[in-house]
Amino acid sequence: MGKLETENRKAIRRTKIQKAIFLTLASGGSRGSELFTQLVAETMLGLDITPPPRINEYVRTVTSRLTKKGLLVCEDGHYSMTDTGRKTLERWQREDFKLEKPKKWDRKWRIIIFDIPEKKRRTRDRVREILFNAGFQRIQDSVWVYPYDCEDLIGLLKTDFGISGDMLYIIADQIENDKYLRMDFDLTAYNN
């Protein structure tokens, strides 16, 4: 294995350990507890990876690094996440959100329309980023389309960002000239 591959695997492992530490702390785990390393290892197994052989050493190193970055804070021998740490975890969780695609398309388009005010520009940009990462196609800046059920994600976005009145979820039978959308979503088998 080459040097770049080795470095890449280490970086991926580090990121997964960081995520496991955050998830363990978010679910009530405590660094002061003797079970903390075991809880982190169980969280990692939930992330579909095998814990490294020297897990205790890795957890200590990564926890120390996260504290230096200001993502964790240690009080009375127990670690907890800072606000910045919580925001980082939320970002990772949203980025990991994958929409389930059914085997067969129901020939309906899900159209998301939002009108988030300028004073909430960061929220608007974040919503666009999440929709893009989830696989939506942009028709206009605030109009996005997806061919499968995505109501749960949209409900989550509305709740998390407090934009219920600023976002609409529409189910449509047709979109004019949707040939290119069908190509983008690999739905060419469903041509009219």
N, C-alpha and C. Protein backbone atom coordinates (compact mmCIF):
# COMPACT_ATOMS: atom_id res chain seq x y z
N MET A 1 0.85 -1.17 0.00
CA MET A 1 0.00 0.00 0.00
C MET A 1 0.90 1.23 0.00
N GLY A 2 0.54 2.21 -0.84
CA GLY A 2 1.33 3.41 -0.98
C GLY A 2 1.15 4.37 0.19
N LYS A 3 2.03 5.38 0.23
CA LYS A 3 2.03 6.36 1.31
C LYS A 3 0.71 7.14 1.36
N LEU A 4 0.19 7.56 0.20
CA LEU A 4 -1.06 8.32 0.17
C LEU A 4 -2.23 7.48 0.68
N GLU A 5 -2.27 6.20 0.28
CA GLU A 5 -3.35 5.32 0.74
C GLU A 5 -3.30 5.15 2.25
N THR A 6 -2.10 4.97 2.80
CA THR A 6 -1.93 4.81 4.24
C THR A 6 -2.38 6.06 4.98
N GLU A 7 -1.96 7.23 4.51
CA GLU A 7 -2.36 8.49 5.14
C GLU A 7 -3.87 8.69 5.05
N ASN A 8 -4.45 8.34 3.91
CA ASN A 8 -5.90 8.48 3.73
C ASN A 8 -6.66 7.58 4.71
N ARG A 9 -6.22 6.35 4.89
CA ARG A 9 -6.88 5.44 5.83
C ARG A 9 -6.80 5.95 7.26
N LYS A 10 -5.64 6.51 7.64
CA LYS A 10 -5.49 7.07 8.98
C LYS A 10 -6.44 8.24 9.18
N ALA A 11 -6.56 9.10 8.18
CA ALA A 11 -7.45 10.26 8.28
C ALA A 11 -8.90 9.82 8.41
N ILE A 12 -9.29 8.82 7.64
CA ILE A 12 -10.66 8.31 7.72
C ILE A 12 -10.91 7.72 9.09
N ARG A 13 -9.95 6.94 9.61
CA ARG A 13 -10.11 6.32 10.92
C ARG A 13 -10.22 7.39 12.00
N ARG A 14 -9.38 8.44 11.91
CA ARG A 14 -9.43 9.54 12.88
C ARG A 14 -10.80 10.21 12.88
N THR A 15 -11.32 10.49 11.70
CA THR A 15 -12.63 11.13 11.59
C THR A 15 -13.72 10.24 12.18
N LYS A 16 -13.64 8.95 11.93
CA LYS A 16 -14.66 8.04 12.46
C LYS A 16 -14.57 7.92 13.97
N ILE A 17 -13.36 7.98 14.52
CA ILE A 17 -13.21 7.95 15.98
C ILE A 17 -13.77 9.24 16.57
N GLN A 18 -13.49 10.38 15.93
CA GLN A 18 -14.05 11.65 16.41
C GLN A 18 -15.57 11.59 16.43
N LYS A 19 -16.14 11.07 15.37
CA LYS A 19 -17.59 10.98 15.28
C LYS A 19 -18.14 10.05 16.36
N ALA A 20 -17.45 8.94 16.60
CA ALA A 20 -17.88 8.00 17.63
C ALA A 20 -17.83 8.64 19.02
N ILE A 21 -16.79 9.44 19.28
CA ILE A 21 -16.68 10.14 20.57
C ILE A 21 -17.83 11.12 20.73
N PHE A 22 -18.11 11.91 19.68
CA PHE A 22 -19.23 12.86 19.73
C PHE A 22 -20.55 12.14 19.99
N LEU A 23 -20.79 11.07 19.24
CA LEU A 23 -22.05 10.35 19.39
C LEU A 23 -22.18 9.73 20.78
N THR A 24 -21.08 9.24 21.32
CA THR A 24 -21.09 8.66 22.67
C THR A 24 -21.42 9.74 23.70
N LEU A 25 -20.79 10.91 23.58
CA LEU A 25 -21.06 12.01 24.51
C LEU A 25 -22.49 12.52 24.34
N ALA A 26 -22.96 12.59 23.10
CA ALA A 26 -24.32 13.09 22.84
C ALA A 26 -25.38 12.15 23.43
N SER A 27 -25.05 10.87 23.50
CA SER A 27 -26.02 9.91 24.04
C SER A 27 -25.86 9.70 25.54
N GLY A 28 -25.05 10.52 26.19
CA GLY A 28 -24.93 10.46 27.64
C GLY A 28 -23.70 9.77 28.16
N GLY A 29 -22.80 9.33 27.27
CA GLY A 29 -21.56 8.70 27.72
C GLY A 29 -20.66 9.72 28.39
N SER A 30 -19.76 9.25 29.22
CA SER A 30 -18.89 10.17 29.97
C SER A 30 -17.45 9.70 29.88
N ARG A 31 -16.53 10.63 29.64
CA ARG A 31 -15.11 10.29 29.54
C ARG A 31 -14.54 9.85 30.88
N GLY A 32 -15.11 10.29 31.98
CA GLY A 32 -14.62 9.91 33.29
C GLY A 32 -14.95 8.48 33.64
N SER A 33 -15.89 7.94 32.96
CA SER A 33 -16.34 6.57 33.23
C SER A 33 -15.36 5.57 32.64
N GLU A 34 -15.19 4.44 33.32
CA GLU A 34 -14.29 3.40 32.80
C GLU A 34 -14.89 2.72 31.58
N LEU A 35 -16.17 2.92 31.34
CA LEU A 35 -16.83 2.30 30.19
C LEU A 35 -16.77 3.17 28.94
N PHE A 36 -16.18 4.37 29.06
CA PHE A 36 -16.19 5.30 27.93
C PHE A 36 -15.59 4.67 26.68
N THR A 37 -14.41 4.06 26.79
CA THR A 37 -13.76 3.46 25.62
C THR A 37 -14.63 2.36 25.04
N GLN A 38 -15.26 1.58 25.90
CA GLN A 38 -16.14 0.51 25.42
C GLN A 38 -17.35 1.12 24.70
N LEU A 39 -17.90 2.22 25.25
CA LEU A 39 -19.03 2.89 24.60
C LEU A 39 -18.63 3.43 23.23
N VAL A 40 -17.43 4.01 23.14
CA VAL A 40 -16.94 4.53 21.85
C VAL A 40 -16.79 3.37 20.87
N ALA A 41 -16.23 2.25 21.32
CA ALA A 41 -16.06 1.09 20.44
C ALA A 41 -17.42 0.58 19.95
N GLU A 42 -18.42 0.54 20.83
CA GLU A 42 -19.76 0.10 20.42
C GLU A 42 -20.36 1.07 19.42
N THR A 43 -20.13 2.36 19.62
CA THR A 43 -20.63 3.36 18.68
C THR A 43 -19.96 3.16 17.33
N MET A 44 -18.66 2.86 17.33
CA MET A 44 -17.94 2.64 16.08
C MET A 44 -18.50 1.42 15.36
N LEU A 45 -18.85 0.39 16.11
CA LEU A 45 -19.44 -0.80 15.48
C LEU A 45 -20.77 -0.43 14.84
N GLY A 46 -21.50 0.50 15.47
CA GLY A 46 -22.75 0.99 14.91
C GLY A 46 -22.50 1.79 13.64
N LEU A 47 -21.28 2.32 13.47
CA LEU A 47 -20.91 3.05 12.26
C LEU A 47 -20.35 2.11 11.20
N ASP A 48 -20.48 0.80 11.43
CA ASP A 48 -20.03 -0.22 10.48
C ASP A 48 -18.53 -0.23 10.25
N ILE A 49 -17.76 0.02 11.30
CA ILE A 49 -16.31 -0.14 11.18
C ILE A 49 -15.82 -0.94 12.37
N THR A 50 -14.70 -1.60 12.21
CA THR A 50 -14.11 -2.37 13.28
C THR A 50 -13.20 -1.46 14.10
N PRO A 51 -13.35 -1.47 15.44
CA PRO A 51 -12.48 -0.61 16.24
C PRO A 51 -11.01 -1.00 16.05
N PRO A 52 -10.11 -0.03 16.01
CA PRO A 52 -8.69 -0.33 15.88
C PRO A 52 -8.20 -1.13 17.09
N PRO A 53 -7.12 -1.90 16.93
CA PRO A 53 -6.63 -2.73 18.03
C PRO A 53 -6.22 -1.91 19.26
N ARG A 54 -5.68 -0.73 19.08
CA ARG A 54 -5.24 0.10 20.21
C ARG A 54 -6.27 1.19 20.48
N ILE A 55 -7.50 0.79 20.68
CA ILE A 55 -8.60 1.75 20.80
C ILE A 55 -8.41 2.72 21.96
N ASN A 56 -7.89 2.25 23.11
CA ASN A 56 -7.71 3.14 24.26
C ASN A 56 -6.78 4.30 23.92
N GLU A 57 -5.68 3.99 23.26
CA GLU A 57 -4.71 5.01 22.87
C GLU A 57 -5.33 5.99 21.87
N TYR A 58 -6.04 5.45 20.89
CA TYR A 58 -6.68 6.31 19.89
C TYR A 58 -7.72 7.24 20.52
N VAL A 59 -8.54 6.72 21.42
CA VAL A 59 -9.58 7.54 22.05
C VAL A 59 -8.94 8.67 22.85
N ARG A 60 -7.89 8.36 23.61
CA ARG A 60 -7.20 9.41 24.39
C ARG A 60 -6.61 10.47 23.46
N THR A 61 -5.96 10.06 22.40
CA THR A 61 -5.33 11.00 21.47
C THR A 61 -6.37 11.88 20.79
N VAL A 62 -7.42 11.25 20.28
CA VAL A 62 -8.44 12.02 19.56
C VAL A 62 -9.20 12.92 20.52
N THR A 63 -9.50 12.45 21.72
CA THR A 63 -10.20 13.27 22.71
C THR A 63 -9.36 14.49 23.06
N SER A 64 -8.06 14.30 23.23
CA SER A 64 -7.16 15.41 23.51
C SER A 64 -7.15 16.42 22.37
N ARG A 65 -7.10 15.92 21.15
CA ARG A 65 -7.09 16.80 19.97
C ARG A 65 -8.40 17.59 19.87
N LEU A 66 -9.53 16.94 20.13
CA LEU A 66 -10.83 17.62 20.07
C LEU A 66 -10.94 18.70 21.16
N THR A 67 -10.32 18.44 22.32
CA THR A 67 -10.32 19.43 23.39
C THR A 67 -9.50 20.65 22.99
N LYS A 68 -8.34 20.40 22.39
CA LYS A 68 -7.48 21.51 21.94
C LYS A 68 -8.17 22.35 20.86
N LYS A 69 -8.99 21.72 20.03
CA LYS A 69 -9.72 22.44 18.98
C LYS A 69 -10.93 23.18 19.53
N GLY A 70 -11.27 22.96 20.79
CA GLY A 70 -12.41 23.64 21.38
C GLY A 70 -13.74 22.96 21.10
N LEU A 71 -13.70 21.70 20.70
CA LEU A 71 -14.94 20.97 20.42
C LEU A 71 -15.43 20.20 21.64
N LEU A 72 -14.52 19.91 22.56
CA LEU A 72 -14.85 19.26 23.83
C LEU A 72 -14.29 20.10 24.97
N VAL A 73 -14.87 19.92 26.15
CA VAL A 73 -14.35 20.58 27.35
C VAL A 73 -14.32 19.54 28.47
N CYS A 74 -13.28 19.61 29.30
CA CYS A 74 -13.15 18.67 30.40
C CYS A 74 -13.41 19.38 31.72
N GLU A 75 -14.39 18.88 32.47
CA GLU A 75 -14.71 19.43 33.79
C GLU A 75 -14.84 18.26 34.76
N ASP A 76 -14.10 18.32 35.86
CA ASP A 76 -14.13 17.27 36.89
C ASP A 76 -13.86 15.88 36.32
N GLY A 77 -12.95 15.80 35.35
CA GLY A 77 -12.58 14.50 34.78
C GLY A 77 -13.58 13.95 33.79
N HIS A 78 -14.59 14.74 33.44
CA HIS A 78 -15.60 14.29 32.48
C HIS A 78 -15.61 15.23 31.29
N TYR A 79 -15.69 14.64 30.10
CA TYR A 79 -15.73 15.43 28.88
C TYR A 79 -17.17 15.68 28.47
N SER A 80 -17.39 16.84 27.90
CA SER A 80 -18.68 17.15 27.29
C SER A 80 -18.42 18.01 26.05
N MET A 81 -19.41 18.04 25.16
CA MET A 81 -19.26 18.81 23.92
C MET A 81 -19.54 20.28 24.16
N THR A 82 -18.79 21.12 23.47
CA THR A 82 -19.06 22.55 23.48
C THR A 82 -20.14 22.81 22.43
N ASP A 83 -20.61 24.05 22.36
CA ASP A 83 -21.59 24.40 21.33
C ASP A 83 -21.03 24.16 19.94
N THR A 84 -19.75 24.48 19.76
CA THR A 84 -19.09 24.24 18.47
C THR A 84 -19.04 22.75 18.17
N GLY A 85 -18.79 21.94 19.18
CA GLY A 85 -18.78 20.49 19.01
C GLY A 85 -20.14 19.95 18.62
N ARG A 86 -21.20 20.49 19.25
CA ARG A 86 -22.56 20.06 18.91
C ARG A 86 -22.90 20.43 17.47
N LYS A 87 -22.50 21.63 17.06
CA LYS A 87 -22.76 22.06 15.68
C LYS A 87 -22.01 21.17 14.69
N THR A 88 -20.79 20.79 15.04
CA THR A 88 -20.01 19.90 14.18
C THR A 88 -20.70 18.56 14.05
N LEU A 89 -21.17 18.01 15.17
CA LEU A 89 -21.88 16.73 15.13
C LEU A 89 -23.15 16.84 14.29
N GLU A 90 -23.92 17.91 14.47
CA GLU A 90 -25.14 18.10 13.68
C GLU A 90 -24.83 18.16 12.19
N ARG A 91 -23.74 18.87 11.84
CA ARG A 91 -23.34 18.96 10.44
C ARG A 91 -23.00 17.58 9.89
N TRP A 92 -22.24 16.79 10.64
CA TRP A 92 -21.89 15.44 10.20
C TRP A 92 -23.14 14.59 10.03
N GLN A 93 -24.08 14.70 10.96
CA GLN A 93 -25.28 13.89 10.87
C GLN A 93 -26.11 14.26 9.65
N ARG A 94 -26.19 15.54 9.35
CA ARG A 94 -26.96 15.96 8.16
C ARG A 94 -26.27 15.53 6.89
N GLU A 95 -24.94 15.63 6.87
CA GLU A 95 -24.20 15.24 5.67
C GLU A 95 -24.31 13.74 5.42
N ASP A 96 -24.46 12.97 6.49
CA ASP A 96 -24.58 11.53 6.35
C ASP A 96 -25.98 11.09 5.98
N PHE A 97 -26.94 12.01 6.00
CA PHE A 97 -28.31 11.64 5.74
C PHE A 97 -28.46 11.17 4.30
N LYS A 98 -28.88 9.96 4.15
CA LYS A 98 -29.09 9.38 2.83
C LYS A 98 -30.58 9.08 2.67
N LEU A 99 -31.11 9.46 1.53
CA LEU A 99 -32.50 9.16 1.24
C LEU A 99 -32.60 7.77 0.62
N GLU A 100 -33.57 7.02 1.07
CA GLU A 100 -33.77 5.68 0.56
C GLU A 100 -34.48 5.74 -0.78
N LYS A 101 -33.94 5.06 -1.76
CA LYS A 101 -34.56 5.04 -3.08
C LYS A 101 -35.31 3.72 -3.25
N PRO A 102 -36.59 3.81 -3.55
CA PRO A 102 -37.34 2.56 -3.79
C PRO A 102 -36.91 1.91 -5.09
N LYS A 103 -37.26 0.65 -5.26
CA LYS A 103 -36.87 -0.06 -6.48
C LYS A 103 -37.59 0.48 -7.71
N LYS A 104 -38.81 0.96 -7.49
CA LYS A 104 -39.60 1.44 -8.62
C LYS A 104 -40.05 2.87 -8.35
N TRP A 105 -39.94 3.72 -9.35
CA TRP A 105 -40.36 5.12 -9.24
C TRP A 105 -41.88 5.19 -9.39
N ASP A 106 -42.53 5.96 -8.57
CA ASP A 106 -43.99 6.09 -8.61
C ASP A 106 -44.46 7.16 -9.60
N ARG A 107 -43.53 7.69 -10.40
CA ARG A 107 -43.80 8.69 -11.44
C ARG A 107 -44.34 10.01 -10.88
N LYS A 108 -43.94 10.33 -9.68
CA LYS A 108 -44.33 11.60 -9.06
C LYS A 108 -43.06 12.35 -8.67
N TRP A 109 -43.09 13.64 -8.86
CA TRP A 109 -41.97 14.50 -8.51
C TRP A 109 -42.24 15.16 -7.17
N ARG A 110 -41.21 15.25 -6.34
CA ARG A 110 -41.30 15.98 -5.08
C ARG A 110 -40.59 17.31 -5.30
N ILE A 111 -41.33 18.38 -5.16
CA ILE A 111 -40.78 19.72 -5.41
C ILE A 111 -40.71 20.46 -4.08
N ILE A 112 -39.56 20.98 -3.79
CA ILE A 112 -39.34 21.74 -2.56
C ILE A 112 -39.17 23.21 -2.96
N ILE A 113 -40.00 24.05 -2.39
CA ILE A 113 -39.92 25.48 -2.65
C ILE A 113 -39.72 26.18 -1.31
N PHE A 114 -38.74 27.06 -1.24
CA PHE A 114 -38.57 27.81 0.00
C PHE A 114 -38.28 29.27 -0.29
N ASP A 115 -38.69 30.10 0.63
CA ASP A 115 -38.48 31.54 0.55
C ASP A 115 -37.99 31.99 1.93
N ILE A 116 -36.72 31.71 2.19
CA ILE A 116 -36.12 32.02 3.49
C ILE A 116 -35.58 33.45 3.41
N PRO A 117 -35.98 34.31 4.35
CA PRO A 117 -35.60 35.73 4.29
C PRO A 117 -34.08 35.95 4.32
N GLU A 118 -33.68 37.11 3.80
CA GLU A 118 -32.26 37.47 3.73
C GLU A 118 -31.60 37.46 5.10
N LYS A 119 -32.34 37.83 6.15
CA LYS A 119 -31.75 37.84 7.49
C LYS A 119 -31.38 36.44 7.98
N LYS A 120 -31.90 35.41 7.30
CA LYS A 120 -31.55 34.01 7.61
C LYS A 120 -30.72 33.41 6.47
N ARG A 121 -29.84 34.22 5.92
CA ARG A 121 -29.05 33.79 4.76
C ARG A 121 -28.25 32.50 5.03
N ARG A 122 -27.64 32.40 6.20
CA ARG A 122 -26.87 31.19 6.53
C ARG A 122 -27.75 29.96 6.51
N THR A 123 -28.94 30.08 7.07
CA THR A 123 -29.89 28.97 7.07
C THR A 123 -30.24 28.60 5.64
N ARG A 124 -30.53 29.59 4.82
CA ARG A 124 -30.90 29.35 3.42
C ARG A 124 -29.77 28.63 2.69
N ASP A 125 -28.54 29.08 2.88
CA ASP A 125 -27.39 28.44 2.24
C ASP A 125 -27.20 27.01 2.74
N ARG A 126 -27.41 26.82 4.03
CA ARG A 126 -27.26 25.48 4.62
C ARG A 126 -28.32 24.52 4.07
N VAL A 127 -29.56 25.02 3.93
CA VAL A 127 -30.64 24.18 3.37
C VAL A 127 -30.28 23.78 1.94
N ARG A 128 -29.79 24.72 1.14
CA ARG A 128 -29.38 24.40 -0.23
C ARG A 128 -28.29 23.34 -0.25
N GLU A 129 -27.32 23.48 0.66
CA GLU A 129 -26.21 22.52 0.74
C GLU A 129 -26.73 21.13 1.09
N ILE A 130 -27.64 21.04 2.04
CA ILE A 130 -28.19 19.75 2.45
C ILE A 130 -28.96 19.11 1.31
N LEU A 131 -29.79 19.89 0.63
CA LEU A 131 -30.56 19.35 -0.49
C LEU A 131 -29.62 18.85 -1.59
N PHE A 132 -28.59 19.62 -1.89
CA PHE A 132 -27.62 19.20 -2.91
C PHE A 132 -26.94 17.89 -2.50
N ASN A 133 -26.48 17.81 -1.25
CA ASN A 133 -25.79 16.61 -0.78
C ASN A 133 -26.70 15.39 -0.73
N ALA A 134 -28.01 15.63 -0.54
CA ALA A 134 -28.97 14.51 -0.50
C ALA A 134 -29.36 14.05 -1.90
N GLY A 135 -28.94 14.77 -2.95
CA GLY A 135 -29.19 14.32 -4.31
C GLY A 135 -30.30 15.04 -5.03
N PHE A 136 -30.83 16.11 -4.46
CA PHE A 136 -31.87 16.89 -5.14
C PHE A 136 -31.26 17.63 -6.33
N GLN A 137 -32.10 17.95 -7.30
CA GLN A 137 -31.68 18.75 -8.44
C GLN A 137 -32.29 20.14 -8.32
N ARG A 138 -31.48 21.15 -8.57
CA ARG A 138 -31.94 22.54 -8.48
C ARG A 138 -32.58 22.95 -9.80
N ILE A 139 -33.80 23.46 -9.71
CA ILE A 139 -34.46 24.02 -10.88
C ILE A 139 -34.24 25.52 -10.90
N GLN A 140 -34.36 26.15 -9.74
CA GLN A 140 -34.04 27.55 -9.52
C GLN A 140 -33.40 27.63 -8.15
N ASP A 141 -32.91 28.81 -7.75
CA ASP A 141 -32.21 28.92 -6.47
C ASP A 141 -33.00 28.33 -5.31
N SER A 142 -34.28 28.57 -5.25
CA SER A 142 -35.07 28.11 -4.13
C SER A 142 -36.14 27.11 -4.53
N VAL A 143 -35.92 26.43 -5.66
CA VAL A 143 -36.84 25.39 -6.13
C VAL A 143 -36.00 24.16 -6.46
N TRP A 144 -36.28 23.08 -5.74
CA TRP A 144 -35.51 21.84 -5.90
C TRP A 144 -36.47 20.69 -6.16
N VAL A 145 -35.98 19.65 -6.83
CA VAL A 145 -36.84 18.53 -7.17
C VAL A 145 -36.14 17.21 -6.85
N TYR A 146 -36.97 16.22 -6.50
CA TYR A 146 -36.47 14.87 -6.19
C TYR A 146 -37.57 13.89 -6.60
N PRO A 147 -37.23 12.73 -7.15
CA PRO A 147 -38.28 11.83 -7.65
C PRO A 147 -38.88 10.87 -6.61
N TYR A 148 -38.34 10.82 -5.42
CA TYR A 148 -38.80 9.84 -4.44
C TYR A 148 -39.29 10.54 -3.16
N ASP A 149 -39.96 9.78 -2.34
CA ASP A 149 -40.48 10.30 -1.08
C ASP A 149 -39.33 10.85 -0.23
N CYS A 150 -39.45 12.12 0.16
CA CYS A 150 -38.42 12.76 0.97
C CYS A 150 -39.06 13.62 2.05
N GLU A 151 -40.30 13.31 2.38
CA GLU A 151 -41.06 14.12 3.33
C GLU A 151 -40.40 14.16 4.71
N ASP A 152 -39.79 13.04 5.13
CA ASP A 152 -39.13 13.00 6.44
C ASP A 152 -37.97 14.00 6.51
N LEU A 153 -37.15 14.03 5.47
CA LEU A 153 -36.03 14.97 5.44
C LEU A 153 -36.53 16.41 5.47
N ILE A 154 -37.54 16.72 4.68
CA ILE A 154 -38.07 18.08 4.62
C ILE A 154 -38.66 18.46 5.98
N GLY A 155 -39.38 17.54 6.60
CA GLY A 155 -39.91 17.81 7.94
C GLY A 155 -38.81 18.08 8.95
N LEU A 156 -37.72 17.32 8.84
CA LEU A 156 -36.57 17.50 9.72
C LEU A 156 -35.93 18.88 9.49
N LEU A 157 -35.77 19.27 8.24
CA LEU A 157 -35.20 20.58 7.93
C LEU A 157 -36.08 21.70 8.47
N LYS A 158 -37.39 21.57 8.27
CA LYS A 158 -38.32 22.60 8.76
C LYS A 158 -38.22 22.75 10.27
N THR A 159 -38.15 21.63 10.97
CA THR A 159 -38.07 21.65 12.43
C THR A 159 -36.73 22.16 12.91
N ASP A 160 -35.64 21.59 12.39
CA ASP A 160 -34.30 21.95 12.84
C ASP A 160 -33.97 23.42 12.62
N PHE A 161 -34.38 23.96 11.48
CA PHE A 161 -34.04 25.33 11.15
C PHE A 161 -35.15 26.33 11.46
N GLY A 162 -36.29 25.84 11.92
CA GLY A 162 -37.39 26.73 12.25
C GLY A 162 -37.92 27.48 11.03
N ILE A 163 -38.09 26.75 9.92
CA ILE A 163 -38.52 27.39 8.67
C ILE A 163 -39.82 26.79 8.14
N SER A 164 -40.68 26.31 9.03
CA SER A 164 -41.93 25.67 8.61
C SER A 164 -42.76 26.56 7.69
N GLY A 165 -42.84 27.85 7.99
CA GLY A 165 -43.63 28.75 7.18
C GLY A 165 -42.92 29.20 5.92
N ASP A 166 -41.64 28.87 5.79
CA ASP A 166 -40.85 29.35 4.65
C ASP A 166 -40.60 28.27 3.59
N MET A 167 -41.08 27.04 3.83
CA MET A 167 -40.78 25.93 2.93
C MET A 167 -42.04 25.14 2.60
N LEU A 168 -42.20 24.80 1.33
CA LEU A 168 -43.34 23.99 0.88
C LEU A 168 -42.84 22.69 0.28
N TYR A 169 -43.59 21.63 0.53
CA TYR A 169 -43.32 20.30 -0.03
C TYR A 169 -44.48 19.98 -0.96
N ILE A 170 -44.20 19.80 -2.24
CA ILE A 170 -45.24 19.58 -3.24
C ILE A 170 -45.00 18.23 -3.92
N ILE A 171 -46.07 17.49 -4.15
CA ILE A 171 -45.99 16.26 -4.92
C ILE A 171 -46.71 16.52 -6.24
N ALA A 172 -45.99 16.40 -7.36
CA ALA A 172 -46.54 16.72 -8.67
C ALA A 172 -46.48 15.50 -9.59
N ASP A 173 -47.48 15.40 -10.45
CA ASP A 173 -47.51 14.31 -11.43
C ASP A 173 -46.61 14.59 -12.63
N GLN A 174 -46.46 15.87 -12.97
CA GLN A 174 -45.67 16.22 -14.15
C GLN A 174 -44.88 17.51 -13.92
N ILE A 175 -43.76 17.57 -14.61
CA ILE A 175 -42.99 18.80 -14.71
C ILE A 175 -42.73 18.99 -16.20
N GLU A 176 -43.02 20.15 -16.69
CA GLU A 176 -42.82 20.43 -18.11
C GLU A 176 -41.37 20.15 -18.50
N ASN A 177 -41.22 19.43 -19.62
CA ASN A 177 -39.90 19.13 -20.18
C ASN A 177 -38.97 18.49 -19.14
N ASP A 178 -39.44 17.41 -18.52
CA ASP A 178 -38.65 16.75 -17.47
C ASP A 178 -37.65 15.73 -17.99
N LYS A 179 -37.42 15.72 -19.30
CA LYS A 179 -36.49 14.77 -19.91
C LYS A 179 -35.12 14.81 -19.25
N TYR A 180 -34.62 16.04 -19.00
CA TYR A 180 -33.28 16.17 -18.42
C TYR A 180 -33.27 15.76 -16.95
N LEU A 181 -34.35 16.01 -16.26
CA LEU A 181 -34.43 15.55 -14.87
C LEU A 181 -34.41 14.04 -14.82
N ARG A 182 -35.16 13.41 -15.72
CA ARG A 182 -35.17 11.93 -15.75
C ARG A 182 -33.77 11.40 -16.04
N MET A 183 -33.03 12.09 -16.90
CA MET A 183 -31.65 11.68 -17.19
C MET A 183 -30.78 11.86 -15.95
N ASP A 184 -30.91 13.00 -15.27
CA ASP A 184 -30.11 13.27 -14.07
C ASP A 184 -30.34 12.24 -12.98
N PHE A 185 -31.59 11.79 -12.84
CA PHE A 185 -31.92 10.81 -11.80
C PHE A 185 -31.89 9.38 -12.32
N ASP A 186 -31.42 9.18 -13.54
CA ASP A 186 -31.33 7.86 -14.16
C ASP A 186 -32.71 7.18 -14.20
N LEU A 187 -33.70 7.92 -14.67
CA LEU A 187 -35.06 7.43 -14.79
C LEU A 187 -35.48 7.35 -16.25
N THR A 188 -34.53 7.17 -17.15
CA THR A 188 -34.83 7.16 -18.58
C THR A 188 -35.72 5.98 -18.97
N ALA A 189 -35.76 4.94 -18.17
CA ALA A 189 -36.63 3.80 -18.45
C ALA A 189 -38.10 4.19 -18.32
N TYR A 190 -38.38 5.31 -17.68
CA TYR A 190 -39.74 5.76 -17.45
C TYR A 190 -40.17 6.84 -18.44
N ASN A 191 -39.56 6.90 -19.60
CA ASN A 191 -39.95 7.91 -20.59
C ASN A 191 -41.39 7.69 -21.00
N ASN A 192 -42.07 8.79 -21.32
CA ASN A 192 -43.50 8.72 -21.67
C ASN A 192 -43.76 7.91 -22.89
